[in-house]
Protein backbone atom coordinates (compact mmCIF):
# COMPACT_ATOMS: atom_id res chain seq x y z
CA MET A 1 -16.40 -39.88 34.55
CA PRO A 2 -13.03 -38.67 35.88
CA GLY A 3 -10.04 -40.55 34.57
CA SER A 4 -7.58 -42.89 36.23
CA LEU A 5 -3.91 -42.45 36.99
CA PHE A 6 -1.74 -45.21 35.52
CA ALA A 7 1.98 -45.78 35.99
CA VAL A 8 4.66 -47.76 34.21
CA SER A 9 8.45 -47.92 34.25
CA ASP A 10 11.39 -49.90 32.94
CA LEU A 11 10.25 -50.08 29.33
CA PRO A 12 13.66 -50.50 27.65
CA VAL A 13 12.41 -50.00 24.10
CA ALA A 14 15.69 -51.18 22.58
CA TYR A 15 14.07 -54.64 22.84
CA ALA A 16 11.59 -55.32 20.03
CA GLU A 17 9.22 -57.14 22.39
CA ASN A 18 9.11 -54.13 24.71
CA ARG A 19 8.46 -51.75 21.79
CA GLU A 20 5.49 -53.89 20.78
CA ILE A 21 4.13 -53.86 24.32
CA THR A 22 4.72 -50.12 24.65
CA ASP A 23 2.88 -49.57 21.35
CA ARG A 24 -0.18 -51.24 22.91
CA LEU A 25 -0.26 -49.13 26.07
CA ALA A 26 -3.46 -47.13 25.96
CA PRO A 27 -5.78 -45.26 28.31
CA GLU A 28 -9.24 -46.51 29.14
CA SER A 29 -10.75 -43.03 28.86
CA ASP A 30 -9.86 -39.63 27.42
CA ASP A 31 -9.23 -38.38 30.97
CA ASP A 32 -6.59 -40.96 32.00
CA TRP A 33 -3.12 -39.77 33.08
CA LEU A 34 0.15 -41.69 32.89
CA ILE A 35 3.26 -41.63 35.08
CA VAL A 36 6.36 -42.92 33.28
CA ALA A 37 8.71 -43.63 36.18
CA GLY A 38 11.97 -43.94 34.29
CA ASP A 39 14.08 -46.35 32.29
CA VAL A 40 12.28 -45.82 29.00
CA GLY A 41 15.34 -46.01 26.78
CA ALA A 42 19.11 -45.88 26.99
CA ILE A 43 19.36 -44.01 23.67
CA ASP A 44 18.22 -40.39 23.94
CA ALA A 45 16.12 -40.48 20.75
CA ASP A 46 14.37 -43.70 21.88
CA ALA A 47 13.42 -42.15 25.20
CA GLU A 48 12.17 -38.93 23.61
CA CYS A 49 10.19 -40.71 20.88
CA THR A 50 8.57 -43.14 23.31
CA LEU A 51 7.62 -40.39 25.76
CA ARG A 52 6.15 -38.31 22.94
CA ARG A 53 4.10 -41.25 21.64
CA LEU A 54 2.80 -42.17 25.11
CA ARG A 55 1.90 -38.55 25.80
CA GLY A 56 -0.17 -38.51 22.61
CA ARG A 57 -2.42 -41.22 24.02
CA PHE A 58 -3.03 -39.94 27.57
CA ARG A 59 -4.58 -36.68 28.76
CA GLU A 60 -1.41 -35.91 30.74
CA ALA A 61 1.95 -37.64 31.09
CA LEU A 62 4.50 -37.26 33.87
CA TRP A 63 8.07 -38.52 33.44
CA SER A 64 10.80 -39.08 35.98
CA PRO A 65 14.18 -40.28 34.68
CA GLY A 66 15.71 -43.61 35.52
CA ASN A 67 19.32 -44.65 35.33
CA HIS A 68 18.92 -45.66 31.66
CA GLU A 69 18.09 -42.09 30.66
CA LEU A 70 20.88 -40.61 32.77
CA ARG A 71 23.83 -42.67 31.62
CA THR A 72 25.49 -42.25 28.23
CA HIS A 73 25.09 -45.44 26.19
CA PRO A 74 28.09 -46.20 23.93
CA ARG A 75 25.79 -46.30 20.85
CA ASP A 76 23.98 -43.04 21.64
CA PRO A 77 25.04 -40.22 19.31
CA VAL A 78 24.05 -37.78 22.07
CA ARG A 79 27.27 -37.70 24.07
CA LEU A 80 26.01 -35.53 26.94
CA ARG A 81 26.76 -36.79 30.42
CA GLY A 82 25.41 -36.24 33.93
CA VAL A 83 23.45 -33.07 34.58
CA ASP A 84 23.77 -31.93 30.95
CA ARG A 85 22.11 -35.14 29.75
CA TYR A 86 19.32 -34.80 32.30
CA ARG A 87 18.77 -31.14 31.35
CA ALA A 88 18.57 -31.99 27.65
CA LEU A 89 15.81 -34.55 28.25
CA VAL A 90 13.94 -32.28 30.66
CA ASP A 91 14.16 -29.43 28.16
CA VAL A 92 12.42 -31.35 25.34
CA CYS A 93 9.57 -32.65 27.50
CA PRO A 94 7.54 -29.40 27.66
CA ASP A 95 7.59 -29.24 23.85
CA HIS A 96 5.55 -32.46 23.92
CA GLY A 97 3.38 -31.57 26.94
CA ILE A 98 5.20 -33.94 29.29
CA HIS A 99 5.59 -33.00 32.95
CA THR A 100 9.00 -33.60 34.58
CA PRO A 101 10.51 -33.53 38.08
CA GLU A 102 11.40 -29.91 37.36
CA ASP A 103 7.67 -29.15 37.49
CA ASP A 104 7.51 -30.37 41.11
CA ASP A 105 9.73 -30.89 44.13
CA GLY A 106 8.55 -34.48 44.68
CA HIS A 107 10.34 -37.73 43.93
CA LEU A 108 8.54 -40.91 42.94
CA ARG A 109 10.11 -44.28 43.63
CA LEU A 110 7.94 -47.39 43.54
CA PRO A 111 10.15 -50.44 44.13
CA ARG A 112 7.45 -53.09 44.75
CA THR A 113 3.97 -53.52 46.15
CA ILE A 114 4.06 -52.70 49.83
CA HIS A 115 1.78 -51.03 52.35
CA HIS A 116 3.23 -48.47 54.73
CA ASP A 117 1.02 -46.64 57.24
CA GLY A 118 -2.02 -47.73 55.25
CA VAL A 119 -0.69 -46.38 51.94
CA ARG A 120 -0.13 -48.73 49.00
CA PHE A 121 3.12 -48.43 47.03
CA GLU A 122 2.89 -50.23 43.71
CA GLN A 123 5.66 -51.59 41.47
CA VAL A 124 5.21 -50.29 37.93
CA SER A 125 8.25 -51.77 36.18
CA LEU A 126 8.08 -53.68 32.91
CA GLY A 127 11.82 -54.38 32.85
CA CYS A 128 13.88 -56.31 30.33
CA PRO A 129 12.22 -59.25 28.56
CA ARG A 130 14.14 -61.76 30.67
CA GLU A 131 12.53 -60.19 33.78
CA TRP A 132 8.95 -59.85 32.58
CA ARG A 133 8.90 -63.29 30.99
CA ARG A 134 9.88 -64.78 34.35
CA ARG A 135 7.15 -62.77 36.13
CA GLY A 136 4.60 -63.38 33.39
CA THR A 137 3.51 -59.71 33.42
CA GLY A 138 4.84 -58.50 30.08
CA ALA A 139 1.57 -58.38 28.20
CA ASP A 140 -0.06 -55.70 30.38
CA PRO A 141 2.43 -53.51 32.29
CA LEU A 142 0.05 -50.63 33.06
CA ARG A 143 -0.84 -50.59 36.75
CA ARG A 144 -3.89 -48.66 37.97
CA ILE A 145 -2.64 -46.39 40.74
CA LEU A 146 -5.76 -44.31 41.22
CA ALA A 147 -9.20 -45.19 39.86
CA GLY A 148 -11.51 -42.56 38.45
CA ARG A 149 -14.72 -41.81 40.26
CA PRO A 150 -17.95 -43.31 38.88
């Protein structure tokens, strides 16, 4: 059976609750793919480690940076800024088998669930604990974007 395409974003793993949730994210089959649509971690090492661990669970992983990966957090020992920071993250992704925006000319932005010209656009954000607690969606942030064929 072909796999599914899942997507998730806004996983700020600096929060212990979000790390626990992220640790539970898992595919349903060996053929499932994952899109990580940014805001994984504000600290470079957190983002890289989380992406690497997620990639190890899914057949393929695609990552697009969010603002958390692109700004320089005061506690991050990696002091790169702007394009240099982006390049550094993009450069480590192939070492872990993670696809990046540099692999494609497209741009993925999924702000909420809407339908436009018959196409569904799905929100895939986990967000900070104060956000997902309010929504009640923190326990299962993976959203099925494309189901595998039976």
